[in-house]
């Protein structure tokens, strides 16, 4: 009831995102991996608030979050996104083009550990991590040094279908994420906030 009420009284997604959501359900086998309207709108608002010039996304999927995050880019801003599955490239490129964002978004296929060091020395203002969950700690340690002081790292799926807060859960991913969340919370380099939105979104601010 609460979710439907919030969705009904929140701004609708952009028409291109509504079309992308339909296409993702029709053309992929795991459409639940898409950020979706409610979280997408939050990502869009965060980007508008921060006006980041450089955004990095790990885990592009079909581009829903990419298009949302790109909404707050200034005229000289750019978003780099990395996706390991090159079969998702056609739908991603199709909808980035429909959104008129070809000049703002670059898609890289491959492993983040290999690609991130090639994206220049300038730090990122905003990073969105939504890749393989069992690689989160490695990605976190890779990305945090490349985030500017005062910048934000957003991490998706940190509650893992509600299993992470349950100490009795034997789910291996939930146990890993529970330890990962504790690691971030104890990291003196950052401040963090976990939001119970969708599958759990952690906001991490790198201290200045």
N, C-alpha and C. Protein backbone atom coordinates (compact mmCIF):
# COMPACT_ATOMS: atom_id res chain seq x y z
N UNK A 1 0.83 -1.20 0.00
CA UNK A 1 0.00 0.00 0.00
C UNK A 1 0.87 1.26 0.00
N UNK A 2 1.89 1.28 0.87
CA UNK A 2 2.75 2.46 0.95
C UNK A 2 3.48 2.68 -0.36
N UNK A 3 4.01 1.58 -0.94
CA UNK A 3 4.77 1.71 -2.18
C UNK A 3 3.88 2.25 -3.30
N UNK A 4 2.67 1.70 -3.44
CA UNK A 4 1.79 2.14 -4.51
C UNK A 4 1.36 3.59 -4.32
N UNK A 5 1.13 3.98 -3.06
CA UNK A 5 0.77 5.37 -2.77
C UNK A 5 1.90 6.32 -3.17
N UNK A 6 3.12 5.97 -2.77
CA UNK A 6 4.27 6.82 -3.10
C UNK A 6 4.47 6.91 -4.61
N UNK A 7 4.32 5.78 -5.30
CA UNK A 7 4.49 5.78 -6.75
C UNK A 7 3.43 6.63 -7.43
N UNK A 8 2.18 6.54 -6.93
CA UNK A 8 1.07 7.27 -7.55
C UNK A 8 1.24 8.77 -7.41
N UNK A 9 1.82 9.21 -6.29
CA UNK A 9 1.95 10.64 -6.03
C UNK A 9 3.37 11.15 -6.25
N UNK A 10 4.16 10.40 -6.99
CA UNK A 10 5.49 10.87 -7.42
C UNK A 10 5.44 11.17 -8.91
N UNK A 11 6.34 12.02 -9.35
CA UNK A 11 6.39 12.38 -10.77
C UNK A 11 6.61 11.14 -11.63
N UNK A 12 5.96 11.05 -12.78
CA UNK A 12 6.14 9.88 -13.65
C UNK A 12 7.52 9.89 -14.30
N UNK A 13 8.01 8.73 -14.68
CA UNK A 13 9.29 8.71 -15.40
C UNK A 13 9.17 9.34 -16.78
N UNK A 14 10.29 9.74 -17.32
CA UNK A 14 10.32 10.29 -18.67
C UNK A 14 9.74 9.27 -19.66
N UNK A 15 9.09 9.73 -20.73
CA UNK A 15 8.52 8.79 -21.71
C UNK A 15 9.53 7.77 -22.24
N UNK A 16 10.77 8.19 -22.47
CA UNK A 16 11.77 7.25 -22.98
C UNK A 16 12.07 6.17 -21.95
N UNK A 17 11.97 6.49 -20.67
CA UNK A 17 12.19 5.49 -19.62
C UNK A 17 11.02 4.53 -19.53
N UNK A 18 9.80 5.02 -19.75
CA UNK A 18 8.64 4.13 -19.78
C UNK A 18 8.77 3.14 -20.93
N UNK A 19 9.23 3.61 -22.07
CA UNK A 19 9.44 2.74 -23.22
C UNK A 19 10.57 1.74 -22.95
N UNK A 20 11.64 2.21 -22.31
CA UNK A 20 12.76 1.33 -21.99
C UNK A 20 12.33 0.24 -20.99
N UNK A 21 11.50 0.60 -20.03
CA UNK A 21 11.02 -0.41 -19.07
C UNK A 21 10.26 -1.52 -19.78
N UNK A 22 9.39 -1.15 -20.70
CA UNK A 22 8.65 -2.16 -21.47
C UNK A 22 9.59 -3.02 -22.29
N UNK A 23 10.56 -2.39 -22.95
CA UNK A 23 11.50 -3.13 -23.78
C UNK A 23 12.37 -4.07 -22.95
N UNK A 24 12.75 -3.63 -21.75
CA UNK A 24 13.57 -4.47 -20.88
C UNK A 24 12.82 -5.73 -20.47
N UNK A 25 11.53 -5.60 -20.19
CA UNK A 25 10.72 -6.77 -19.83
C UNK A 25 10.53 -7.71 -21.03
N UNK A 26 10.47 -7.15 -22.21
CA UNK A 26 10.24 -7.97 -23.40
C UNK A 26 11.52 -8.60 -23.94
N UNK A 27 12.66 -7.94 -23.75
CA UNK A 27 13.88 -8.33 -24.47
C UNK A 27 15.00 -8.86 -23.58
N UNK A 28 14.80 -8.92 -22.28
CA UNK A 28 15.84 -9.48 -21.40
C UNK A 28 15.23 -10.57 -20.52
N UNK A 29 16.09 -11.42 -19.98
CA UNK A 29 15.59 -12.53 -19.15
C UNK A 29 15.57 -12.17 -17.67
N UNK A 30 16.16 -11.04 -17.30
CA UNK A 30 16.18 -10.63 -15.89
C UNK A 30 15.79 -9.17 -15.76
N UNK A 31 14.55 -8.82 -16.13
CA UNK A 31 14.16 -7.40 -16.10
C UNK A 31 14.17 -6.81 -14.70
N UNK A 32 14.12 -7.66 -13.66
CA UNK A 32 14.14 -7.14 -12.29
C UNK A 32 15.46 -6.48 -11.94
N UNK A 33 16.48 -6.64 -12.78
CA UNK A 33 17.76 -6.00 -12.53
C UNK A 33 17.73 -4.50 -12.86
N UNK A 34 16.70 -4.06 -13.55
CA UNK A 34 16.57 -2.65 -13.91
C UNK A 34 16.23 -1.82 -12.67
N UNK A 35 16.75 -0.62 -12.59
CA UNK A 35 16.49 0.24 -11.43
C UNK A 35 15.02 0.51 -11.22
N UNK A 36 14.28 0.80 -12.26
CA UNK A 36 12.85 1.02 -12.15
C UNK A 36 12.49 2.45 -11.82
N UNK A 37 11.18 2.78 -11.91
CA UNK A 37 10.73 4.17 -11.84
C UNK A 37 11.03 4.88 -10.52
N UNK A 38 10.76 4.26 -9.39
CA UNK A 38 10.89 4.96 -8.11
C UNK A 38 12.35 5.25 -7.79
N UNK A 39 13.19 4.22 -7.90
CA UNK A 39 14.61 4.42 -7.65
C UNK A 39 15.22 5.30 -8.72
N UNK A 40 14.77 5.12 -9.95
CA UNK A 40 15.29 5.94 -11.04
C UNK A 40 15.05 7.42 -10.80
N UNK A 41 13.87 7.74 -10.29
CA UNK A 41 13.56 9.14 -10.00
C UNK A 41 14.46 9.68 -8.90
N UNK A 42 14.75 8.85 -7.89
CA UNK A 42 15.68 9.28 -6.84
C UNK A 42 17.07 9.55 -7.43
N UNK A 43 17.55 8.65 -8.29
CA UNK A 43 18.86 8.86 -8.92
C UNK A 43 18.86 10.16 -9.74
N UNK A 44 17.76 10.40 -10.42
CA UNK A 44 17.63 11.62 -11.22
C UNK A 44 17.67 12.86 -10.32
N UNK A 45 16.96 12.82 -9.20
CA UNK A 45 16.95 13.95 -8.27
C UNK A 45 18.34 14.19 -7.67
N UNK A 46 19.01 13.09 -7.28
CA UNK A 46 20.36 13.22 -6.71
C UNK A 46 21.30 13.89 -7.72
N UNK A 47 21.21 13.46 -8.97
CA UNK A 47 22.05 14.04 -10.01
C UNK A 47 21.74 15.53 -10.21
N UNK A 48 20.46 15.88 -10.22
CA UNK A 48 20.09 17.30 -10.34
C UNK A 48 20.62 18.11 -9.15
N UNK A 49 20.57 17.54 -7.96
CA UNK A 49 21.04 18.26 -6.77
C UNK A 49 22.55 18.46 -6.80
N UNK A 50 23.29 17.43 -7.19
CA UNK A 50 24.75 17.50 -7.16
C UNK A 50 25.34 18.19 -8.38
N UNK A 51 24.63 18.15 -9.52
CA UNK A 51 25.16 18.68 -10.79
C UNK A 51 26.58 18.14 -11.04
N UNK A 52 26.76 16.83 -11.02
CA UNK A 52 28.11 16.26 -11.17
C UNK A 52 28.63 16.42 -12.59
N UNK A 53 29.90 16.73 -12.70
CA UNK A 53 30.49 16.85 -14.04
C UNK A 53 30.99 15.51 -14.56
N UNK A 54 31.41 14.65 -13.62
CA UNK A 54 31.86 13.30 -14.01
C UNK A 54 31.13 12.26 -13.16
N UNK A 55 30.44 11.34 -13.86
CA UNK A 55 29.72 10.25 -13.22
C UNK A 55 30.30 8.93 -13.72
N UNK A 56 30.41 7.97 -12.80
CA UNK A 56 30.83 6.62 -13.16
C UNK A 56 29.78 5.65 -12.67
N UNK A 57 29.38 4.74 -13.54
CA UNK A 57 28.41 3.71 -13.18
C UNK A 57 29.03 2.34 -13.46
N UNK A 58 28.93 1.44 -12.49
CA UNK A 58 29.41 0.07 -12.66
C UNK A 58 28.18 -0.83 -12.70
N UNK A 59 27.88 -1.38 -13.86
CA UNK A 59 26.69 -2.20 -14.04
C UNK A 59 25.61 -1.43 -14.77
N UNK A 60 25.69 -1.38 -16.10
CA UNK A 60 24.79 -0.54 -16.89
C UNK A 60 23.43 -1.19 -17.14
N UNK A 61 23.41 -2.51 -17.31
CA UNK A 61 22.24 -3.28 -17.71
C UNK A 61 21.67 -2.65 -18.99
N UNK A 62 20.40 -2.27 -19.03
CA UNK A 62 19.83 -1.71 -20.27
C UNK A 62 19.85 -0.19 -20.32
N UNK A 63 20.39 0.45 -19.29
CA UNK A 63 20.60 1.90 -19.36
C UNK A 63 19.59 2.75 -18.62
N UNK A 64 18.67 2.14 -17.88
CA UNK A 64 17.66 2.94 -17.18
C UNK A 64 18.31 3.91 -16.19
N UNK A 65 19.17 3.38 -15.32
CA UNK A 65 19.84 4.23 -14.33
C UNK A 65 20.77 5.23 -15.01
N UNK A 66 21.41 4.81 -16.08
CA UNK A 66 22.32 5.71 -16.81
C UNK A 66 21.59 6.96 -17.29
N UNK A 67 20.42 6.75 -17.89
CA UNK A 67 19.64 7.87 -18.41
C UNK A 67 19.17 8.76 -17.26
N UNK A 68 18.77 8.15 -16.15
CA UNK A 68 18.34 8.93 -14.98
C UNK A 68 19.50 9.77 -14.44
N UNK A 69 20.64 9.16 -14.25
CA UNK A 69 21.79 9.86 -13.68
C UNK A 69 22.28 10.98 -14.60
N UNK A 70 22.16 10.78 -15.90
CA UNK A 70 22.66 11.78 -16.86
C UNK A 70 21.81 13.05 -16.88
N UNK A 71 20.62 13.02 -16.28
CA UNK A 71 19.74 14.18 -16.33
C UNK A 71 20.34 15.40 -15.64
N UNK A 72 21.19 15.19 -14.63
CA UNK A 72 21.75 16.32 -13.90
C UNK A 72 23.11 16.77 -14.37
N UNK A 73 23.62 16.17 -15.45
CA UNK A 73 24.93 16.56 -15.96
C UNK A 73 24.90 17.98 -16.51
N UNK A 74 25.91 18.80 -16.21
CA UNK A 74 26.00 20.11 -16.84
C UNK A 74 26.39 19.96 -18.32
N UNK A 75 26.48 21.07 -19.03
CA UNK A 75 26.72 21.00 -20.48
C UNK A 75 28.03 20.31 -20.82
N UNK A 76 29.02 20.39 -19.93
CA UNK A 76 30.31 19.76 -20.20
C UNK A 76 30.49 18.48 -19.40
N UNK A 77 29.41 17.94 -18.86
CA UNK A 77 29.50 16.74 -18.03
C UNK A 77 29.44 15.47 -18.86
N UNK A 78 29.88 14.37 -18.25
CA UNK A 78 29.89 13.09 -18.96
C UNK A 78 29.73 11.94 -17.98
N UNK A 79 29.04 10.91 -18.42
CA UNK A 79 28.85 9.68 -17.64
C UNK A 79 29.54 8.53 -18.34
N UNK A 80 30.40 7.81 -17.62
CA UNK A 80 31.01 6.58 -18.09
C UNK A 80 30.32 5.42 -17.39
N UNK A 81 29.88 4.44 -18.15
CA UNK A 81 29.25 3.28 -17.54
C UNK A 81 29.89 2.00 -18.07
N UNK A 82 30.02 1.02 -17.20
CA UNK A 82 30.72 -0.23 -17.52
C UNK A 82 29.76 -1.40 -17.36
N UNK A 83 29.69 -2.25 -18.38
CA UNK A 83 28.82 -3.42 -18.35
C UNK A 83 29.60 -4.63 -18.87
N UNK A 84 29.56 -5.72 -18.10
CA UNK A 84 30.33 -6.91 -18.47
C UNK A 84 29.65 -7.70 -19.59
N UNK A 85 28.31 -7.59 -19.72
CA UNK A 85 27.54 -8.36 -20.70
C UNK A 85 27.36 -7.54 -21.98
N UNK A 86 28.14 -7.87 -23.00
CA UNK A 86 28.07 -7.07 -24.23
C UNK A 86 26.78 -7.32 -25.03
N UNK A 87 26.02 -8.36 -24.69
CA UNK A 87 24.75 -8.61 -25.38
C UNK A 87 23.69 -7.55 -25.05
N UNK A 88 23.92 -6.80 -23.98
CA UNK A 88 22.98 -5.74 -23.61
C UNK A 88 23.27 -4.43 -24.35
N UNK A 89 24.38 -4.40 -25.07
CA UNK A 89 24.78 -3.18 -25.76
C UNK A 89 23.74 -2.61 -26.71
N UNK A 90 23.10 -3.43 -27.57
CA UNK A 90 22.15 -2.86 -28.54
C UNK A 90 20.98 -2.13 -27.90
N UNK A 91 20.35 -2.72 -26.88
CA UNK A 91 19.22 -2.05 -26.25
C UNK A 91 19.68 -0.80 -25.50
N UNK A 92 20.85 -0.89 -24.88
CA UNK A 92 21.40 0.28 -24.18
C UNK A 92 21.60 1.43 -25.16
N UNK A 93 22.28 1.17 -26.26
CA UNK A 93 22.58 2.23 -27.22
C UNK A 93 21.31 2.77 -27.87
N UNK A 94 20.36 1.90 -28.13
CA UNK A 94 19.10 2.33 -28.74
C UNK A 94 18.40 3.38 -27.88
N UNK A 95 18.34 3.13 -26.57
CA UNK A 95 17.57 4.03 -25.72
C UNK A 95 18.37 5.24 -25.25
N UNK A 96 19.67 5.13 -25.18
CA UNK A 96 20.47 6.32 -24.92
C UNK A 96 20.33 7.28 -26.10
N UNK A 97 20.29 6.74 -27.31
CA UNK A 97 20.10 7.59 -28.49
C UNK A 97 18.70 8.21 -28.47
N UNK A 98 17.69 7.44 -28.12
CA UNK A 98 16.33 7.98 -28.06
C UNK A 98 16.22 9.09 -27.01
N UNK A 99 17.02 8.96 -25.94
CA UNK A 99 17.02 9.98 -24.90
C UNK A 99 17.83 11.21 -25.29
N UNK A 100 18.50 11.16 -26.44
CA UNK A 100 19.32 12.28 -26.90
C UNK A 100 20.58 12.47 -26.09
N UNK A 101 21.16 11.36 -25.60
CA UNK A 101 22.30 11.45 -24.68
C UNK A 101 23.57 10.78 -25.20
N UNK A 102 23.63 10.56 -26.51
CA UNK A 102 24.84 9.93 -27.06
C UNK A 102 26.11 10.72 -26.74
N UNK A 103 25.99 12.04 -26.68
CA UNK A 103 27.15 12.88 -26.43
C UNK A 103 27.50 12.97 -24.95
N UNK A 104 26.61 12.42 -24.08
CA UNK A 104 26.81 12.53 -22.64
C UNK A 104 27.19 11.21 -21.97
N UNK A 105 26.95 10.09 -22.65
CA UNK A 105 27.13 8.77 -22.03
C UNK A 105 28.04 7.92 -22.89
N UNK A 106 29.04 7.31 -22.26
CA UNK A 106 29.93 6.36 -22.93
C UNK A 106 29.79 5.00 -22.28
N UNK A 107 29.51 3.97 -23.08
CA UNK A 107 29.38 2.60 -22.60
C UNK A 107 30.68 1.86 -22.85
N UNK A 108 31.19 1.21 -21.81
CA UNK A 108 32.41 0.40 -21.90
C UNK A 108 32.05 -1.04 -21.54
N UNK A 109 32.48 -1.98 -22.38
CA UNK A 109 32.23 -3.39 -22.09
C UNK A 109 33.49 -4.03 -21.52
N UNK A 110 33.31 -4.78 -20.41
CA UNK A 110 34.44 -5.49 -19.85
C UNK A 110 34.46 -5.41 -18.34
N UNK A 111 35.62 -5.69 -17.78
CA UNK A 111 35.79 -5.75 -16.33
C UNK A 111 36.15 -4.38 -15.78
N UNK A 112 35.45 -3.97 -14.72
CA UNK A 112 35.67 -2.64 -14.17
C UNK A 112 37.10 -2.43 -13.70
N UNK A 113 37.71 -3.46 -13.13
CA UNK A 113 39.08 -3.33 -12.62
C UNK A 113 40.06 -2.97 -13.73
N UNK A 114 39.76 -3.40 -14.95
CA UNK A 114 40.63 -3.08 -16.10
C UNK A 114 40.27 -1.75 -16.74
N UNK A 115 38.99 -1.41 -16.74
CA UNK A 115 38.53 -0.23 -17.47
C UNK A 115 38.66 1.05 -16.66
N UNK A 116 38.34 1.01 -15.37
CA UNK A 116 38.35 2.23 -14.55
C UNK A 116 39.68 2.98 -14.63
N UNK A 117 40.83 2.29 -14.55
CA UNK A 117 42.10 3.03 -14.62
C UNK A 117 42.35 3.75 -15.95
N UNK A 118 41.58 3.40 -16.99
CA UNK A 118 41.78 4.03 -18.31
C UNK A 118 40.91 5.28 -18.48
N UNK A 119 40.11 5.63 -17.49
CA UNK A 119 39.14 6.72 -17.66
C UNK A 119 39.66 8.07 -17.21
N UNK A 120 40.96 8.20 -17.13
CA UNK A 120 41.56 9.49 -16.78
C UNK A 120 41.81 9.62 -15.29
N UNK A 121 42.63 10.61 -14.96
CA UNK A 121 43.02 10.83 -13.56
C UNK A 121 42.08 11.75 -12.80
N UNK A 122 41.23 12.47 -13.51
CA UNK A 122 40.32 13.40 -12.83
C UNK A 122 39.31 12.62 -12.00
N UNK A 123 39.09 13.01 -10.75
CA UNK A 123 38.18 12.25 -9.89
C UNK A 123 36.72 12.37 -10.36
N UNK A 124 35.92 11.42 -9.92
CA UNK A 124 34.49 11.43 -10.22
C UNK A 124 33.74 12.14 -9.10
N UNK A 125 32.63 12.77 -9.47
CA UNK A 125 31.78 13.47 -8.50
C UNK A 125 30.71 12.55 -7.93
N UNK A 126 30.29 11.58 -8.74
CA UNK A 126 29.21 10.67 -8.36
C UNK A 126 29.48 9.31 -8.98
N UNK A 127 29.34 8.26 -8.17
CA UNK A 127 29.55 6.89 -8.64
C UNK A 127 28.34 6.06 -8.24
N UNK A 128 27.85 5.23 -9.16
CA UNK A 128 26.74 4.31 -8.87
C UNK A 128 27.24 2.89 -9.09
N UNK A 129 27.20 2.08 -8.03
CA UNK A 129 27.68 0.70 -8.08
C UNK A 129 26.49 -0.25 -8.05
N UNK A 130 26.31 -1.01 -9.14
CA UNK A 130 25.20 -1.95 -9.26
C UNK A 130 25.64 -3.14 -10.08
N UNK A 131 26.78 -3.71 -9.70
CA UNK A 131 27.36 -4.83 -10.44
C UNK A 131 27.23 -6.11 -9.62
N UNK A 132 28.09 -7.10 -9.91
CA UNK A 132 28.05 -8.36 -9.18
C UNK A 132 28.23 -8.12 -7.68
N UNK A 133 27.30 -8.63 -6.89
CA UNK A 133 27.29 -8.31 -5.46
C UNK A 133 28.52 -8.87 -4.74
N UNK A 134 29.01 -10.02 -5.16
CA UNK A 134 30.14 -10.63 -4.48
C UNK A 134 31.46 -9.95 -4.82
N UNK A 135 31.39 -8.96 -5.70
CA UNK A 135 32.57 -8.15 -6.03
C UNK A 135 32.50 -6.76 -5.40
N UNK A 136 31.51 -6.52 -4.57
CA UNK A 136 31.29 -5.17 -4.05
C UNK A 136 32.50 -4.63 -3.27
N UNK A 137 33.10 -5.43 -2.45
CA UNK A 137 34.22 -4.93 -1.65
C UNK A 137 35.38 -4.53 -2.55
N UNK A 138 35.70 -5.36 -3.54
CA UNK A 138 36.79 -5.02 -4.46
C UNK A 138 36.46 -3.74 -5.24
N UNK A 139 35.21 -3.62 -5.67
CA UNK A 139 34.81 -2.42 -6.40
C UNK A 139 34.86 -1.19 -5.49
N UNK A 140 34.41 -1.35 -4.27
CA UNK A 140 34.43 -0.23 -3.32
C UNK A 140 35.84 0.30 -3.13
N UNK A 141 36.78 -0.60 -2.93
CA UNK A 141 38.16 -0.17 -2.71
C UNK A 141 38.80 0.37 -3.99
N UNK A 142 38.32 -0.08 -5.13
CA UNK A 142 38.79 0.45 -6.41
C UNK A 142 38.25 1.86 -6.65
N UNK A 143 36.98 2.08 -6.28
CA UNK A 143 36.29 3.31 -6.65
C UNK A 143 36.50 4.46 -5.67
N UNK A 144 36.60 4.15 -4.38
CA UNK A 144 36.67 5.23 -3.40
C UNK A 144 37.85 6.17 -3.64
N UNK A 145 39.04 5.68 -3.96
CA UNK A 145 40.15 6.61 -4.23
C UNK A 145 39.92 7.49 -5.45
N UNK A 146 39.03 7.08 -6.34
CA UNK A 146 38.76 7.85 -7.56
C UNK A 146 37.57 8.79 -7.41
N UNK A 147 37.01 8.84 -6.21
CA UNK A 147 35.90 9.74 -5.91
C UNK A 147 36.46 10.99 -5.26
N UNK A 148 35.99 12.15 -5.67
CA UNK A 148 36.51 13.40 -5.09
C UNK A 148 36.07 13.52 -3.63
N UNK A 149 36.83 14.20 -2.80
CA UNK A 149 36.37 14.48 -1.44
C UNK A 149 35.04 15.23 -1.48
N UNK A 150 34.08 14.76 -0.71
CA UNK A 150 32.74 15.33 -0.74
C UNK A 150 31.84 14.69 -1.78
N UNK A 151 32.40 13.81 -2.61
CA UNK A 151 31.61 13.12 -3.63
C UNK A 151 30.80 11.99 -3.04
N UNK A 152 29.87 11.47 -3.85
CA UNK A 152 28.94 10.44 -3.38
C UNK A 152 29.08 9.15 -4.17
N UNK A 153 29.05 8.04 -3.45
CA UNK A 153 29.01 6.69 -4.02
C UNK A 153 27.67 6.08 -3.62
N UNK A 154 26.88 5.67 -4.60
CA UNK A 154 25.59 5.03 -4.37
C UNK A 154 25.73 3.54 -4.67
N UNK A 155 25.27 2.70 -3.75
CA UNK A 155 25.45 1.26 -3.88
C UNK A 155 24.08 0.58 -3.80
N UNK A 156 23.73 -0.19 -4.83
CA UNK A 156 22.40 -0.78 -4.92
C UNK A 156 22.37 -2.19 -4.32
N UNK A 157 21.16 -2.64 -3.99
CA UNK A 157 20.86 -4.01 -3.55
C UNK A 157 21.50 -4.41 -2.23
N UNK A 158 21.72 -3.45 -1.33
CA UNK A 158 22.44 -3.76 -0.10
C UNK A 158 21.57 -4.45 0.96
N UNK A 159 20.27 -4.60 0.69
CA UNK A 159 19.39 -5.35 1.61
C UNK A 159 19.01 -6.72 1.06
N UNK A 160 19.24 -6.94 -0.21
CA UNK A 160 19.11 -8.25 -0.87
C UNK A 160 17.79 -8.95 -0.50
N UNK A 161 16.71 -8.37 -1.01
CA UNK A 161 15.38 -8.94 -0.80
C UNK A 161 15.05 -9.10 0.69
N UNK A 162 15.57 -8.20 1.50
CA UNK A 162 15.30 -8.22 2.93
C UNK A 162 16.04 -9.28 3.72
N UNK A 163 16.93 -10.01 3.07
CA UNK A 163 17.64 -11.10 3.75
C UNK A 163 18.83 -10.60 4.56
N UNK A 164 19.42 -9.47 4.17
CA UNK A 164 20.63 -8.99 4.84
C UNK A 164 20.40 -8.70 6.32
N UNK A 165 19.30 -8.03 6.71
CA UNK A 165 19.12 -7.74 8.13
C UNK A 165 18.79 -8.97 8.98
N UNK A 166 18.45 -10.08 8.34
CA UNK A 166 18.06 -11.30 9.07
C UNK A 166 19.31 -12.11 9.43
N UNK A 167 19.70 -12.14 10.71
CA UNK A 167 20.92 -12.87 11.09
C UNK A 167 20.81 -14.37 10.90
N UNK A 168 19.59 -14.88 10.71
CA UNK A 168 19.39 -16.32 10.52
C UNK A 168 19.46 -16.73 9.05
N UNK A 169 19.54 -15.76 8.16
CA UNK A 169 19.59 -16.09 6.73
C UNK A 169 20.89 -16.81 6.39
N UNK A 170 20.76 -17.89 5.63
CA UNK A 170 21.93 -18.66 5.19
C UNK A 170 22.32 -18.33 3.76
N UNK A 171 21.62 -17.37 3.15
CA UNK A 171 21.91 -16.97 1.78
C UNK A 171 23.32 -16.39 1.70
N UNK A 172 24.15 -16.94 0.82
CA UNK A 172 25.56 -16.56 0.75
C UNK A 172 25.73 -15.09 0.37
N UNK A 173 24.91 -14.61 -0.57
CA UNK A 173 25.02 -13.21 -0.97
C UNK A 173 24.60 -12.29 0.16
N UNK A 174 23.56 -12.68 0.89
CA UNK A 174 23.11 -11.86 2.02
C UNK A 174 24.19 -11.77 3.10
N UNK A 175 24.85 -12.88 3.38
CA UNK A 175 25.92 -12.88 4.37
C UNK A 175 27.07 -11.98 3.92
N UNK A 176 27.41 -12.08 2.63
CA UNK A 176 28.48 -11.24 2.09
C UNK A 176 28.11 -9.76 2.21
N UNK A 177 26.89 -9.42 1.80
CA UNK A 177 26.47 -8.02 1.84
C UNK A 177 26.37 -7.50 3.27
N UNK A 178 25.99 -8.36 4.21
CA UNK A 178 25.95 -7.94 5.62
C UNK A 178 27.36 -7.53 6.08
N UNK A 179 28.34 -8.33 5.71
CA UNK A 179 29.73 -8.00 6.06
C UNK A 179 30.22 -6.77 5.31
N UNK A 180 29.80 -6.65 4.05
CA UNK A 180 30.19 -5.49 3.26
C UNK A 180 29.61 -4.21 3.86
N UNK A 181 28.33 -4.23 4.20
CA UNK A 181 27.69 -3.05 4.79
C UNK A 181 28.40 -2.64 6.08
N UNK A 182 28.77 -3.62 6.88
CA UNK A 182 29.47 -3.33 8.13
C UNK A 182 30.85 -2.73 7.86
N UNK A 183 31.50 -3.21 6.80
CA UNK A 183 32.82 -2.68 6.43
C UNK A 183 32.71 -1.20 6.05
N UNK A 184 31.73 -0.86 5.23
CA UNK A 184 31.56 0.54 4.83
C UNK A 184 31.21 1.40 6.04
N UNK A 185 30.32 0.90 6.88
CA UNK A 185 29.89 1.66 8.05
C UNK A 185 31.06 1.97 8.99
N UNK A 186 32.03 1.06 9.05
CA UNK A 186 33.19 1.22 9.93
C UNK A 186 34.34 1.98 9.28
N UNK A 187 34.22 2.32 8.00
CA UNK A 187 35.30 2.96 7.26
C UNK A 187 35.41 4.43 7.69
N UNK A 188 36.51 4.85 8.28
CA UNK A 188 36.63 6.25 8.74
C UNK A 188 36.73 7.26 7.61
N UNK A 189 36.89 6.79 6.38
CA UNK A 189 37.00 7.71 5.24
C UNK A 189 35.65 8.25 4.77
N UNK A 190 34.55 7.64 5.26
CA UNK A 190 33.24 7.95 4.69
C UNK A 190 32.18 8.11 5.77
N UNK A 191 31.04 8.68 5.33
CA UNK A 191 29.78 8.64 6.06
C UNK A 191 28.79 7.86 5.19
N UNK A 192 27.89 7.11 5.83
CA UNK A 192 26.98 6.32 5.00
C UNK A 192 25.55 6.34 5.54
N UNK A 193 24.62 6.10 4.62
CA UNK A 193 23.20 6.04 4.95
C UNK A 193 22.58 4.93 4.10
N UNK A 194 21.88 3.98 4.75
CA UNK A 194 21.17 2.93 4.04
C UNK A 194 19.69 3.29 3.98
N UNK A 195 19.16 3.31 2.76
CA UNK A 195 17.74 3.61 2.55
C UNK A 195 17.01 2.32 2.19
N UNK A 196 15.86 2.04 2.83
CA UNK A 196 15.09 0.83 2.51
C UNK A 196 14.24 1.02 1.26
N UNK A 197 14.85 1.49 0.20
CA UNK A 197 14.17 1.76 -1.06
C UNK A 197 14.43 0.61 -2.01
N UNK A 198 13.35 0.03 -2.55
CA UNK A 198 13.44 -1.10 -3.46
C UNK A 198 14.23 -2.23 -2.79
N UNK A 199 15.44 -2.53 -3.24
CA UNK A 199 16.23 -3.63 -2.67
C UNK A 199 17.33 -3.13 -1.75
N UNK A 200 17.21 -1.87 -1.31
CA UNK A 200 18.21 -1.29 -0.42
C UNK A 200 19.24 -0.49 -1.20
N UNK A 201 19.32 0.80 -0.91
CA UNK A 201 20.29 1.68 -1.55
C UNK A 201 21.14 2.35 -0.49
N UNK A 202 22.45 2.18 -0.57
CA UNK A 202 23.36 2.83 0.36
C UNK A 202 23.95 4.07 -0.29
N UNK A 203 23.87 5.19 0.45
CA UNK A 203 24.53 6.42 0.03
C UNK A 203 25.80 6.57 0.86
N UNK A 204 26.92 6.79 0.19
CA UNK A 204 28.21 6.93 0.85
C UNK A 204 28.81 8.27 0.45
N UNK A 205 29.17 9.07 1.43
CA UNK A 205 29.81 10.36 1.16
C UNK A 205 31.27 10.28 1.61
N UNK A 206 32.17 10.57 0.68
CA UNK A 206 33.59 10.59 1.02
C UNK A 206 33.90 11.87 1.79
N UNK A 207 34.48 11.71 2.96
CA UNK A 207 34.75 12.87 3.81
C UNK A 207 35.78 13.80 3.16
N UNK A 208 35.67 15.07 3.49
CA UNK A 208 36.60 16.06 2.94
C UNK A 208 37.80 16.20 3.87
